[in-house]
N, C-alpha and C. Protein backbone atom coordinates (compact mmCIF):
# COMPACT_ATOMS: atom_id res chain seq x y z
N MET A 1 0.59 -1.02 0.01
CA MET A 1 0.00 -0.07 0.10
C MET A 1 1.14 1.25 -0.04
N GLN A 2 0.48 1.95 -1.02
CA GLN A 2 1.23 3.39 -0.79
C GLN A 2 0.47 4.39 -0.13
N TYR A 3 1.55 5.06 0.67
CA TYR A 3 1.36 6.28 1.67
C TYR A 3 2.05 7.49 1.22
N MET A 4 1.22 8.73 1.45
CA MET A 4 1.74 9.76 1.27
C MET A 4 2.33 10.64 2.49
N LEU A 5 3.50 10.95 2.69
CA LEU A 5 3.62 11.53 4.26
C LEU A 5 3.94 12.98 4.09
N LEU A 6 3.39 13.88 4.30
CA LEU A 6 2.89 15.11 4.04
C LEU A 6 3.64 16.03 5.35
N ILE A 7 4.88 16.76 4.98
CA ILE A 7 5.74 17.32 5.99
C ILE A 7 5.10 18.66 6.08
N TYR A 8 4.67 19.05 7.48
CA TYR A 8 4.31 20.55 7.85
C TYR A 8 5.06 21.05 8.83
N SER A 9 5.36 22.32 8.88
CA SER A 9 5.98 22.87 9.79
C SER A 9 5.86 24.56 9.96
N ASP A 10 6.36 24.86 11.14
CA ASP A 10 6.12 26.31 11.31
C ASP A 10 7.59 26.94 11.03
N PRO A 11 7.72 27.96 10.13
CA PRO A 11 9.15 28.19 9.68
C PRO A 11 9.37 29.20 11.33
N ALA A 12 8.99 29.62 11.81
CA ALA A 12 9.38 30.05 12.89
C ALA A 12 9.88 29.17 14.07
N ARG A 13 9.45 27.80 14.03
CA ARG A 13 10.10 26.90 15.02
C ARG A 13 11.29 25.96 14.19
N GLU A 14 11.50 26.15 12.81
CA GLU A 14 12.54 25.27 12.28
C GLU A 14 14.10 26.12 12.57
N PRO A 15 14.80 25.15 12.53
CA PRO A 15 16.30 25.63 12.79
C PRO A 15 16.38 26.53 11.50
N ALA A 16 17.49 27.69 11.93
CA ALA A 16 17.72 28.55 10.98
C ALA A 16 18.74 28.23 9.92
N TYR A 17 18.57 28.44 8.92
CA TYR A 17 19.62 28.07 7.91
C TYR A 17 21.02 28.31 8.12
N GLY A 18 22.10 27.59 8.23
CA GLY A 18 23.78 27.92 8.49
C GLY A 18 23.81 27.75 9.77
N THR A 19 23.18 27.10 10.75
CA THR A 19 23.11 27.00 12.21
C THR A 19 23.56 25.34 12.25
N PRO A 20 24.35 25.02 13.51
CA PRO A 20 24.47 23.38 13.46
C PRO A 20 23.00 22.65 13.62
N GLU A 21 22.36 23.06 13.84
CA GLU A 21 20.72 22.67 14.26
C GLU A 21 20.33 22.15 12.77
N PHE A 22 20.49 23.42 11.95
CA PHE A 22 19.78 23.11 10.54
C PHE A 22 20.72 22.11 10.22
N ASP A 23 22.07 22.13 10.03
CA ASP A 23 23.00 20.97 9.45
C ASP A 23 22.67 19.67 10.10
N GLN A 24 22.04 19.36 11.46
CA GLN A 24 21.46 18.54 11.91
C GLN A 24 20.28 17.89 11.16
N MET A 25 19.50 18.72 11.28
CA MET A 25 18.08 18.60 10.47
C MET A 25 18.19 17.74 9.11
N MET A 26 19.27 18.72 8.45
CA MET A 26 19.62 18.20 6.81
C MET A 26 20.22 16.86 6.81
N GLY A 27 20.83 16.56 8.18
CA GLY A 27 21.54 15.13 7.93
C GLY A 27 20.43 14.23 8.45
N GLY A 28 19.46 14.30 8.97
CA GLY A 28 18.44 13.67 9.79
C GLY A 28 17.81 13.33 7.97
N TYR A 29 17.70 14.43 7.18
CA TYR A 29 16.58 14.01 6.28
C TYR A 29 17.36 12.99 5.23
N PHE A 30 18.98 13.63 5.19
CA PHE A 30 19.71 12.34 4.57
C PHE A 30 19.83 11.00 4.86
N ALA A 31 19.51 10.83 5.99
CA ALA A 31 19.46 9.64 6.92
C ALA A 31 18.25 9.00 6.47
N VAL A 32 17.06 9.57 6.71
CA VAL A 32 15.71 8.95 6.20
C VAL A 32 15.86 8.84 4.87
N ASN A 33 16.04 9.40 3.95
CA ASN A 33 16.32 9.07 2.78
C ASN A 33 17.19 8.04 2.19
N GLU A 34 17.95 7.90 2.97
CA GLU A 34 18.78 6.68 2.95
C GLU A 34 18.67 5.32 3.05
N GLN A 35 17.81 5.62 4.48
CA GLN A 35 16.91 4.54 5.06
C GLN A 35 15.65 3.72 4.31
N MET A 36 15.04 4.86 3.64
CA MET A 36 14.28 4.35 2.73
C MET A 36 14.53 3.66 1.61
N LYS A 37 15.53 4.29 0.89
CA LYS A 37 16.12 3.56 -0.49
C LYS A 37 16.59 2.32 -0.02
N ALA A 38 17.37 2.28 1.01
CA ALA A 38 18.09 0.69 1.31
C ALA A 38 16.54 -0.36 1.84
N ASP A 39 15.31 0.06 2.37
CA ASP A 39 14.52 -0.72 2.23
C ASP A 39 13.50 -0.85 1.42
N GLY A 40 13.84 -0.35 0.30
CA GLY A 40 13.23 0.08 -0.87
C GLY A 40 11.83 0.02 -0.96
N THR A 41 11.53 1.12 0.33
CA THR A 41 10.27 1.63 0.57
C THR A 41 9.63 2.92 -0.40
N MET A 42 10.87 3.92 -0.58
CA MET A 42 10.59 5.46 -1.29
C MET A 42 10.26 5.00 -2.76
N ARG A 43 9.13 5.52 -2.92
CA ARG A 43 8.85 5.88 -4.28
C ARG A 43 8.77 7.15 -4.99
N GLY A 44 9.12 8.24 -3.95
CA GLY A 44 9.22 9.56 -4.36
C GLY A 44 9.29 10.62 -3.27
N GLY A 45 9.40 11.70 -3.43
CA GLY A 45 9.50 12.51 -2.41
C GLY A 45 10.39 14.02 -2.73
N GLU A 46 9.85 14.76 -2.29
CA GLU A 46 10.71 16.13 -2.69
C GLU A 46 10.50 17.46 -1.70
N ALA A 47 11.13 18.72 -1.67
CA ALA A 47 10.91 19.44 -0.68
C ALA A 47 10.37 20.67 -1.57
N LEU A 48 9.44 21.37 -0.87
CA LEU A 48 8.78 22.31 -1.84
C LEU A 48 9.34 23.66 -1.54
N LYS A 49 9.25 24.55 -2.52
CA LYS A 49 9.80 25.88 -2.64
C LYS A 49 8.98 26.85 -1.27
N GLY A 50 9.21 27.71 -0.87
CA GLY A 50 8.52 28.55 0.15
C GLY A 50 6.90 28.84 -0.47
N ILE A 51 6.47 28.99 0.52
CA ILE A 51 5.06 29.33 0.07
C ILE A 51 4.59 30.74 -0.58
N GLU A 52 5.45 31.78 -0.50
CA GLU A 52 5.50 32.95 -1.39
C GLU A 52 5.88 32.53 -2.65
N THR A 53 5.90 31.37 -3.33
CA THR A 53 6.24 31.01 -4.70
C THR A 53 4.89 30.26 -5.05
N ALA A 54 3.71 29.76 -4.01
CA ALA A 54 2.66 29.28 -4.47
C ALA A 54 1.65 30.16 -5.03
N THR A 55 0.69 29.16 -6.09
CA THR A 55 -0.31 30.06 -6.12
C THR A 55 -1.48 29.00 -6.46
N SER A 56 -2.74 29.56 -5.74
CA SER A 56 -3.96 28.77 -5.35
C SER A 56 -5.11 29.25 -6.46
N LEU A 57 -5.76 28.05 -7.11
CA LEU A 57 -6.83 28.28 -8.14
C LEU A 57 -7.91 27.57 -7.38
N ARG A 58 -8.90 28.26 -7.67
CA ARG A 58 -10.39 27.84 -7.63
C ARG A 58 -11.23 28.24 -8.73
N ILE A 59 -12.38 27.49 -9.03
CA ILE A 59 -13.41 27.74 -10.06
C ILE A 59 -14.76 28.32 -9.26
N LYS A 60 -14.79 29.58 -9.59
CA LYS A 60 -16.41 29.90 -8.83
C LYS A 60 -17.14 30.30 -10.19
N SER A 61 -18.58 29.83 -10.10
CA SER A 61 -19.25 30.56 -11.14
C SER A 61 -18.81 30.22 -12.62
N GLY A 62 -17.89 29.17 -12.79
CA GLY A 62 -17.27 28.83 -14.09
C GLY A 62 -16.12 29.53 -14.19
N ARG A 63 -15.78 30.49 -13.54
CA ARG A 63 -14.72 31.42 -14.01
C ARG A 63 -13.60 30.85 -12.90
N VAL A 64 -12.45 31.01 -13.32
CA VAL A 64 -10.89 30.58 -12.83
C VAL A 64 -10.44 31.59 -12.08
N GLU A 65 -10.09 31.59 -10.74
CA GLU A 65 -9.63 32.46 -9.67
C GLU A 65 -8.50 31.88 -9.53
N THR A 66 -7.27 32.81 -9.35
CA THR A 66 -6.17 32.37 -9.06
C THR A 66 -5.82 33.54 -8.08
N MET A 67 -4.85 32.90 -6.90
CA MET A 67 -4.46 34.07 -5.67
C MET A 67 -3.23 33.56 -5.23
N ASP A 68 -2.20 34.58 -5.18
CA ASP A 68 -1.13 34.52 -4.67
C ASP A 68 -0.94 33.60 -3.40
N GLY A 69 -0.11 32.75 -2.92
CA GLY A 69 0.26 31.93 -1.80
C GLY A 69 -0.99 30.94 -1.62
N PRO A 70 -0.75 30.27 -0.80
CA PRO A 70 -1.45 29.17 -0.37
C PRO A 70 -2.88 29.69 -0.01
N PHE A 71 -3.86 28.85 0.17
CA PHE A 71 -5.33 29.43 0.77
C PHE A 71 -5.56 29.43 2.16
N ALA A 72 -4.91 28.29 2.47
CA ALA A 72 -5.23 28.15 4.14
C ALA A 72 -4.39 28.90 4.60
N GLU A 73 -5.11 29.39 5.72
CA GLU A 73 -4.30 30.19 6.93
C GLU A 73 -4.03 29.51 8.19
N THR A 74 -3.01 29.09 8.39
CA THR A 74 -2.25 28.15 9.25
C THR A 74 -0.66 28.82 9.42
N ARG A 75 -0.40 28.41 10.70
CA ARG A 75 1.13 28.60 11.20
C ARG A 75 2.04 27.70 10.19
N GLU A 76 1.57 26.36 10.17
CA GLU A 76 2.33 25.32 9.61
C GLU A 76 2.25 25.22 7.83
N HIS A 77 3.07 25.16 7.60
CA HIS A 77 3.13 24.95 6.06
C HIS A 77 3.43 23.78 5.21
N LEU A 78 2.90 23.53 4.45
CA LEU A 78 3.33 22.19 3.65
C LEU A 78 4.81 22.72 2.98
N GLY A 79 5.71 21.71 3.39
CA GLY A 79 7.08 21.98 3.29
C GLY A 79 7.59 20.95 1.98
N GLY A 80 7.02 19.66 1.86
CA GLY A 80 7.45 18.35 1.42
C GLY A 80 6.56 17.32 1.58
N TYR A 81 7.25 16.05 0.67
CA TYR A 81 6.35 15.02 1.17
C TYR A 81 7.34 13.84 0.47
N TYR A 82 7.12 12.50 1.15
CA TYR A 82 7.28 11.45 0.45
C TYR A 82 6.51 10.44 0.21
N ILE A 83 6.66 9.90 -0.84
CA ILE A 83 5.33 8.61 -0.78
C ILE A 83 6.25 7.24 -0.77
N VAL A 84 5.67 6.60 0.03
CA VAL A 84 6.32 5.21 0.49
C VAL A 84 5.19 4.09 0.11
N ASP A 85 6.30 3.05 -0.32
CA ASP A 85 5.52 1.78 -0.58
C ASP A 85 5.48 0.81 0.70
N VAL A 86 4.64 0.58 1.76
CA VAL A 86 4.77 -0.46 2.44
C VAL A 86 3.69 -1.18 2.67
N PRO A 87 3.73 -2.01 3.87
CA PRO A 87 2.49 -3.25 3.78
C PRO A 87 1.50 -2.60 4.72
N ASP A 88 1.64 -1.34 5.63
CA ASP A 88 0.36 -1.08 6.08
C ASP A 88 0.43 0.47 6.83
N LEU A 89 -0.39 0.71 7.67
CA LEU A 89 0.06 2.00 8.51
C LEU A 89 1.23 2.00 9.35
N ASP A 90 1.04 0.93 10.06
CA ASP A 90 1.88 0.77 10.92
C ASP A 90 3.48 1.55 10.68
N ALA A 91 3.82 0.59 9.38
CA ALA A 91 5.04 0.67 8.51
C ALA A 91 5.29 2.31 7.99
N ALA A 92 4.14 2.51 7.71
CA ALA A 92 4.25 4.23 7.13
C ALA A 92 4.54 5.05 8.26
N LEU A 93 3.69 4.82 9.52
CA LEU A 93 4.03 5.75 10.51
C LEU A 93 5.61 5.40 11.35
N LYS A 94 6.28 4.69 10.98
CA LYS A 94 7.51 4.01 11.39
C LYS A 94 8.29 5.03 10.52
N TYR A 95 8.10 5.19 9.28
CA TYR A 95 9.08 6.24 8.46
C TYR A 95 8.60 7.66 8.95
N ALA A 96 7.27 7.89 8.99
CA ALA A 96 7.15 9.26 9.36
C ALA A 96 7.80 9.97 10.89
N ALA A 97 7.81 8.80 11.82
CA ALA A 97 8.55 9.27 12.93
C ALA A 97 9.94 9.69 12.36
N MET A 98 10.49 9.34 11.50
CA MET A 98 11.98 9.39 10.96
C MET A 98 12.31 10.89 10.60
N ILE A 99 11.41 11.50 10.18
CA ILE A 99 11.44 12.46 9.43
C ILE A 99 11.52 13.94 10.61
N PRO A 100 13.05 14.41 10.18
CA PRO A 100 13.46 15.57 11.03
C PRO A 100 12.31 16.59 11.57
N SER A 101 11.33 16.85 10.66
CA SER A 101 10.40 18.19 11.05
C SER A 101 9.46 17.47 11.97
N ALA A 102 9.08 16.36 12.37
CA ALA A 102 8.14 15.90 13.19
C ALA A 102 8.53 16.34 14.64
N THR A 103 9.61 16.38 14.75
CA THR A 103 9.74 17.43 16.11
C THR A 103 9.54 18.74 16.76
N PHE A 104 9.38 19.11 15.23
CA PHE A 104 9.15 20.72 15.50
C PHE A 104 7.93 20.95 14.67
N GLY A 105 7.39 19.97 13.73
CA GLY A 105 5.95 20.51 12.89
C GLY A 105 5.18 19.17 13.10
N THR A 106 4.57 18.76 11.83
CA THR A 106 3.52 17.66 11.68
C THR A 106 3.98 16.98 10.44
N VAL A 107 3.80 15.65 10.92
CA VAL A 107 3.48 14.67 9.49
C VAL A 107 2.43 14.08 9.34
N GLU A 108 1.80 14.31 8.52
CA GLU A 108 0.30 13.77 7.90
C GLU A 108 0.57 12.54 7.20
N VAL A 109 0.05 11.48 7.57
CA VAL A 109 0.29 10.16 6.76
C VAL A 109 -1.07 9.80 6.16
N ARG A 110 -1.04 9.73 4.96
CA ARG A 110 -2.55 9.44 4.25
C ARG A 110 -2.41 8.57 3.38
N PRO A 111 -3.19 7.29 2.93
CA PRO A 111 -3.11 6.48 1.99
C PRO A 111 -3.39 6.87 0.76
N LEU A 112 -2.75 6.61 0.04
CA LEU A 112 -2.84 6.98 -1.76
C LEU A 112 -4.16 6.09 -2.36
N MET A 113 -5.25 6.39 -2.99
CA MET A 113 -6.07 5.79 -3.72
C MET A 113 -5.31 5.10 -4.73
N ASP A 114 -5.88 4.06 -5.13
CA ASP A 114 -5.62 2.98 -6.40
C ASP A 114 -6.69 2.84 -7.33
N TYR A 115 -6.81 3.69 -8.07
CA TYR A 115 -7.92 3.54 -9.07
C TYR A 115 -7.35 3.00 -10.34
N ASN A 116 -6.28 1.94 -10.12
CA ASN A 116 -6.07 0.95 -11.27
C ASN A 116 -5.41 -0.38 -10.19
N PRO A 117 -6.26 -0.82 -9.67
CA PRO A 117 -5.62 -2.00 -9.04
C PRO A 117 -5.20 -3.46 -9.76
N THR A 118 -5.38 -3.31 -10.64
CA THR A 118 -5.52 -4.59 -11.61
C THR A 118 -3.83 -4.05 -12.39
N GLY A 119 -3.38 -3.10 -12.41
CA GLY A 119 -1.93 -2.68 -12.86
C GLY A 119 -1.96 -2.63 -13.94
N THR A 120 -3.15 -2.36 -14.87
CA THR A 120 -3.19 -2.27 -16.22
C THR A 120 -3.48 -0.78 -16.87
């Protein structure tokens, strides 16, 4: 089963770039990447550029509206994701707990829908 691990964090709580804490966090990300690759569970994942680069879109009354930035007002921002292929939720949670941002943010674990279960 595939799960998406959505990584949210509050920029005010993240380690500052160029500090030893930032380097430690990035080392943690490199380690979880290598662990998932070694275990054969990682199917994809990337960091996202900052929310200032986001554009939100919605359609109202048949008209497309776009807005700068994310639509949701929240302290925590979606900063990246992993897609893992694991046997069950417990295994997905094991990998989610390895993500460094879980110590100062949130990792949302969601199963992916399989609209093509036969593989054709």
